[in-house]
Structure formats: C-alpha cells, structure tokens
Protein backbone atom coordinates (compact mmCIF):
# COMPACT_ATOMS: atom_id res chain seq x y z
CA MET A 1 3.24 -2.16 7.28
CA ARG A 2 -0.39 -2.31 7.05
CA ALA A 3 -0.96 1.40 7.26
CA VAL A 4 1.14 2.07 4.34
CA ARG A 5 -0.32 -0.62 1.94
CA ILE A 6 -3.89 -0.61 3.32
CA VAL A 7 -5.23 1.35 0.29
CA ALA A 8 -3.15 -0.58 -2.02
CA SER A 9 -3.28 -3.72 -0.79
CA ALA A 10 -6.57 -4.99 -2.86
CA ALA A 11 -4.97 -3.94 -6.17
CA LEU A 12 -1.57 -6.02 -5.97
CA ALA A 13 -2.05 -9.21 -7.80
CA ALA A 14 -0.30 -12.35 -6.65
CA ILE A 15 3.15 -13.45 -8.33
CA ALA A 16 4.70 -16.58 -7.05
CA LEU A 17 8.27 -16.24 -5.72
CA ALA A 18 11.04 -18.32 -6.96
CA ALA A 19 11.67 -21.70 -5.01
CA VAL A 20 15.26 -20.76 -4.78
CA GLY A 21 14.40 -17.34 -3.24
CA ALA A 22 12.09 -18.77 -0.59
CA ALA A 23 14.22 -21.30 0.48
CA GLY A 24 16.83 -18.69 0.98
CA VAL A 25 14.60 -16.59 3.19
CA ALA A 26 13.45 -19.61 5.10
CA GLY A 27 17.10 -20.28 5.92
CA ALA A 28 17.65 -16.67 6.89
CA ALA A 29 14.58 -16.76 9.20
CA SER A 30 16.03 -19.05 11.67
CA SER A 31 18.98 -16.87 12.75
CA ALA A 32 18.44 -14.15 15.50
CA PRO A 33 18.78 -10.59 14.89
CA SER A 34 21.72 -8.73 15.12
CA ALA A 35 22.36 -5.37 16.91
CA HIS A 36 22.05 -3.61 13.82
CA ASP A 37 18.82 -5.36 12.86
CA ARG A 38 17.22 -4.63 16.00
CA ALA A 39 18.12 -0.88 15.69
CA LEU A 40 16.68 -0.89 12.23
CA ALA A 41 13.46 -2.70 13.48
CA ARG A 42 12.81 -0.06 16.02
CA GLN A 43 13.30 2.82 12.96
CA VAL A 44 10.72 1.00 11.14
CA ASP A 45 8.34 0.76 14.00
CA ALA A 46 8.80 4.43 14.75
CA MET A 47 8.18 5.35 11.06
CA ALA A 48 5.01 3.12 11.08
CA ALA A 49 3.27 5.39 13.73
CA THR A 50 3.43 8.13 11.14
CA PHE A 51 1.16 6.42 8.80
CA ALA A 52 -1.70 5.66 11.42
CA GLY A 53 -3.96 7.82 9.41
CA LEU A 54 -3.91 5.83 6.33
CA SER A 55 -5.49 2.87 8.04
CA SER A 56 -8.79 4.78 8.30
CA ARG A 57 -8.67 5.89 4.54
CA SER A 58 -11.41 3.52 3.25
CA ASP A 59 -13.40 3.17 6.67
CA ASP A 60 -15.92 5.97 6.05
CA LEU A 61 -15.92 5.23 1.94
CA ASP A 62 -19.24 3.22 2.11
CA LYS A 63 -20.86 6.68 3.83
CA THR A 64 -19.30 8.81 1.37
CA LEU A 65 -20.75 7.01 -1.49
CA ALA A 66 -24.07 6.71 -0.07
CA LYS A 67 -24.60 10.26 -0.12
CA CYS A 68 -23.71 10.45 -3.76
CA SER A 69 -26.66 11.25 -5.88
CA PHE A 70 -25.88 8.67 -8.51
CA ALA A 71 -25.92 5.79 -5.95
CA LYS A 72 -29.23 6.43 -4.48
CA GLY A 73 -31.95 4.07 -5.27
CA LYS A 74 -29.50 1.97 -6.90
CA ASP A 75 -28.86 -1.64 -6.63
CA PRO A 76 -26.30 -2.47 -3.52
CA SER A 77 -24.03 -3.95 -5.83
CA GLN A 78 -23.41 -0.57 -7.24
CA ALA A 79 -21.71 0.63 -3.97
CA LEU A 80 -19.34 -2.23 -4.38
CA ALA A 81 -18.45 -1.45 -7.76
CA ALA A 82 -17.80 2.09 -7.00
CA THR A 83 -15.38 0.96 -4.26
CA VAL A 84 -13.38 -1.01 -6.54
CA ALA A 85 -13.59 1.60 -9.38
CA LEU A 86 -12.45 4.30 -6.83
CA LEU A 87 -9.22 2.71 -5.83
CA PRO A 88 -7.08 5.12 -7.99
CA ALA A 89 -8.71 7.94 -6.43
CA LEU A 90 -8.15 6.73 -2.76
CA LEU A 91 -4.66 6.28 -3.74
CA ILE A 92 -4.36 9.93 -5.14
CA GLU A 93 -6.04 10.98 -1.74
CA ALA A 94 -3.84 9.03 0.23
CA VAL A 95 -0.53 10.55 -1.69
CA ASN A 96 -2.13 14.14 -1.12
CA ASP A 97 -2.55 13.57 2.67
CA PHE A 98 0.85 12.10 3.17
CA LYS A 99 3.20 12.62 0.33
CA PRO A 100 6.23 14.23 2.62
CA GLN A 101 5.85 11.07 4.78
CA LEU A 102 5.85 8.61 2.06
CA VAL A 103 8.64 10.46 0.38
CA SER A 104 10.66 10.33 3.71
CA ALA A 105 10.01 6.46 4.38
CA ARG A 106 10.60 5.57 0.85
CA ARG A 107 14.05 7.20 1.48
CA LEU A 108 14.47 5.64 4.62
CA LEU A 109 13.61 2.20 3.40
CA ALA A 110 16.00 2.29 0.70
CA SER A 111 18.60 3.50 3.03
CA MET A 112 18.47 0.34 5.51
CA HIS A 113 20.90 -2.53 4.69
CA PRO A 114 20.13 -5.15 7.49
CA ASP A 115 22.21 -8.07 8.15
CA SER A 116 19.48 -10.43 7.77
CA LYS A 117 18.53 -11.44 4.14
CA LEU A 118 14.78 -11.97 5.45
CA PHE A 119 14.68 -8.40 6.76
CA ALA A 120 16.53 -7.31 3.57
CA ARG A 121 13.84 -8.62 1.25
CA TRP A 122 10.83 -7.45 3.10
CA LEU A 123 12.30 -3.78 3.48
CA ASP A 124 12.84 -3.97 -0.35
CA ALA A 125 9.30 -4.80 -0.87
CA GLU A 126 7.98 -2.49 1.48
CA ALA A 127 9.99 0.34 -0.37
CA LYS A 128 8.59 -0.79 -3.49
CA SER A 129 4.89 -0.36 -2.07
CA VAL A 130 5.48 2.92 -1.21
CA ALA A 131 6.99 3.98 -4.63
CA PHE A 132 3.53 2.28 -5.84
CA LEU A 133 1.45 4.75 -3.97
CA LEU A 134 3.90 7.89 -5.19
CA ARG A 135 2.80 7.11 -8.75
CA PHE A 136 -0.53 8.43 -7.90
CA ASP A 137 0.77 11.82 -7.03
CA ASN A 138 -1.69 14.26 -8.97
CA GLY A 139 -0.07 17.29 -7.63
CA GLY A 140 -2.23 17.87 -4.68
CA LYS A 141 -5.64 18.17 -6.80
CA PRO A 142 -8.62 17.56 -4.28
CA VAL A 143 -10.67 14.58 -5.76
CA ASP A 144 -14.50 14.66 -5.75
CA LEU A 145 -15.44 11.09 -4.90
CA CYS A 146 -18.87 10.90 -6.05
CA LYS A 147 -17.97 12.58 -9.29
CA ALA A 148 -14.78 10.16 -9.79
CA ALA A 149 -17.32 7.25 -8.94
CA GLN A 150 -19.87 8.28 -11.66
CA VAL A 151 -17.00 8.87 -14.37
CA LEU A 152 -15.04 5.58 -13.52
CA LEU A 153 -18.12 3.46 -13.52
CA ALA A 154 -19.44 5.01 -16.91
CA LYS A 155 -18.63 2.78 -19.83
CA ASP A 156 -18.39 5.62 -22.14
CA SER A 157 -15.87 7.81 -20.23
CA THR A 158 -13.22 9.25 -22.20
CA PRO A 159 -9.60 9.36 -21.13
CA ALA A 160 -9.82 13.06 -20.83
CA GLU A 161 -12.83 13.00 -18.37
CA ILE A 162 -11.05 10.32 -16.28
CA ARG A 163 -7.94 12.83 -16.26
CA GLU A 164 -10.11 15.67 -15.22
CA VAL A 165 -11.66 13.94 -12.24
CA LEU A 166 -8.66 12.18 -10.93
CA GLY A 167 -5.85 14.72 -12.12
CA ILE A 168 -3.55 11.94 -13.48
CA ASP A 169 -3.02 10.50 -16.82
CA PRO A 170 -5.47 7.04 -17.00
CA THR A 171 -2.73 5.37 -18.82
CA ALA A 172 -0.42 5.77 -15.72
CA ILE A 173 -2.96 3.80 -13.64
CA ALA A 174 -2.70 0.64 -15.67
CA LYS A 175 1.01 0.84 -15.81
CA ALA A 176 1.34 1.13 -12.02
CA PHE A 177 -0.61 -1.94 -11.39
CA THR A 178 1.88 -4.16 -13.22
CA GLY A 179 5.54 -5.50 -12.68
CA SER A 180 7.38 -4.70 -9.37
CA ALA A 181 4.21 -3.42 -7.65
CA SER A 182 2.39 -6.93 -7.93
CA SER A 183 5.57 -8.77 -6.91
CA ALA A 184 6.46 -6.27 -4.10
CA GLY A 185 2.81 -7.04 -2.62
CA ASP A 186 3.02 -10.71 -2.96
CA THR A 187 6.36 -10.52 -1.47
CA VAL A 188 5.39 -8.73 1.42
CA THR A 189 2.36 -11.15 2.07
CA ARG A 190 4.53 -14.01 2.02
CA LEU A 191 7.32 -12.67 4.55
CA ASN A 192 4.93 -11.20 7.01
CA PRO A 193 4.50 -14.27 9.10
CA ARG A 194 8.26 -14.88 9.39
CA MET A 195 8.66 -11.27 9.68
CA ARG A 196 6.33 -10.94 12.74
CA THR A 197 8.34 -13.43 14.58
CA PHE A 198 11.45 -11.71 13.73
CA PHE A 199 10.34 -8.49 14.93
CA VAL A 200 9.43 -9.89 18.17
CA ARG A 201 12.71 -11.41 18.33
CA ALA A 202 14.24 -7.87 17.52
CA GLY A 203 12.72 -6.53 20.47
CA LEU A 204 9.30 -5.29 19.35
CA SER A 205 6.21 -6.01 21.36
CA LYS A 206 3.92 -8.58 19.70
CA LYS A 207 1.22 -5.83 19.19
CA HIS A 208 3.49 -3.62 17.18
CA ALA A 209 5.05 -6.76 15.27
CA ALA A 210 1.50 -7.72 14.36
CA ALA A 211 0.84 -3.94 13.23
CA LEU A 212 3.98 -4.10 10.90
CA THR A 213 3.16 -7.25 9.27
CA SER A 214 -0.62 -7.25 8.84
C-alpha cells in the first residue's frame, strides 16, 4: 500500500528475487482470485484508507526546511541533503502519529492466509514493511525537524546528540535498513503490477487497486 510505504520507500534497497520464486509467482498470477481471496482483498482495501494521512507526510517537508534557520542563505542542494538525512525523523513522526493503526495493520496482515501464492507473498512483504516502520518507535517523543536536520547533517555529531534529537538509538537506524526490510521493499515493487491486476479481478475498482499497488 502506497500510504503505508510512502515515507519508507526511498530507503529500501533493491534485492533481486530468486529465479525459482519469481517463476512460481508468475504461475500463480494467472489463476482467478478465490472467494476467500476476494474477501481478504476487501479487508486490505478498507485498511488502506486508514493510512491516507501518511501519503502527505513528506508533502510539506520542503516548506518546513525552508523555515529552518540553518537552511536560510544556503546552497539549494542543502535542502535535498536535509531531506535525505531526515528520513529516520520522518519515519519516527509517522509512527508517532499512526502507531495504533500500524500495529493493527501488522497483526491483520500477518493473520491473512490467502489461497493465491502471489497474494500471500505480497501480504508477507507488506507486513514486513509495516514492521520496518514500527522499528522507528521512539515512545512518542516529538521531533524538531529543523534541529534534527542540523544534527544529522553535521559531520561531527555524536551518537548521543543524534539520540537526543530523534529519541532512538542511532545504531538501530542502520540495522533497520538491512535484511528483511530491503527484501520486502523490493518484493512489493516487483509484485505490484501483477497484484494490481489481481485486485481488479478480485472485485476492487481500478482506482483502489492502483492506490494499493503504487
């Protein structure tokens, strides 16, 4: 779901799917969704609406940074650097705002057992993407984006200073962007085109199917 992944997608590195796995998914894509799969698709569609607010998480970031004192009079490239550096802070803010929904979504996705292997693989990757976001739970501490950007961009910032502005252990950030998180992001990206068709065949509108797989 785009809304769930919007603030994390830029951070997920691509890892190629195994050839055998890809071939298996391709075969599953040709089968029509069962009645059970159709019911699960409706649940996923309803859940996605809960996260509509996440899709605007980064929309006003540039405006926010422009107001920061450290950015005034700086090279325009500073804003881009700050945007990249602030990804952990944006993830933390998203979890602060949507933690109950994210926890519920992870539980729901993990409980689904579709008949389609394609659908099952997509759901598993989505559940891991939600779990990735939840690794940025700082206990609800507000994040000052201007201060966070300044600290994260400074070459001499200490782990203690980073922990102070973000509210989480900086070593946990590096761990979050490895392993299953990267694999899940790549899996979702690869499966989305086929899942878009699958969702339409499962009874969702083209608009909703596109929103779930973009």
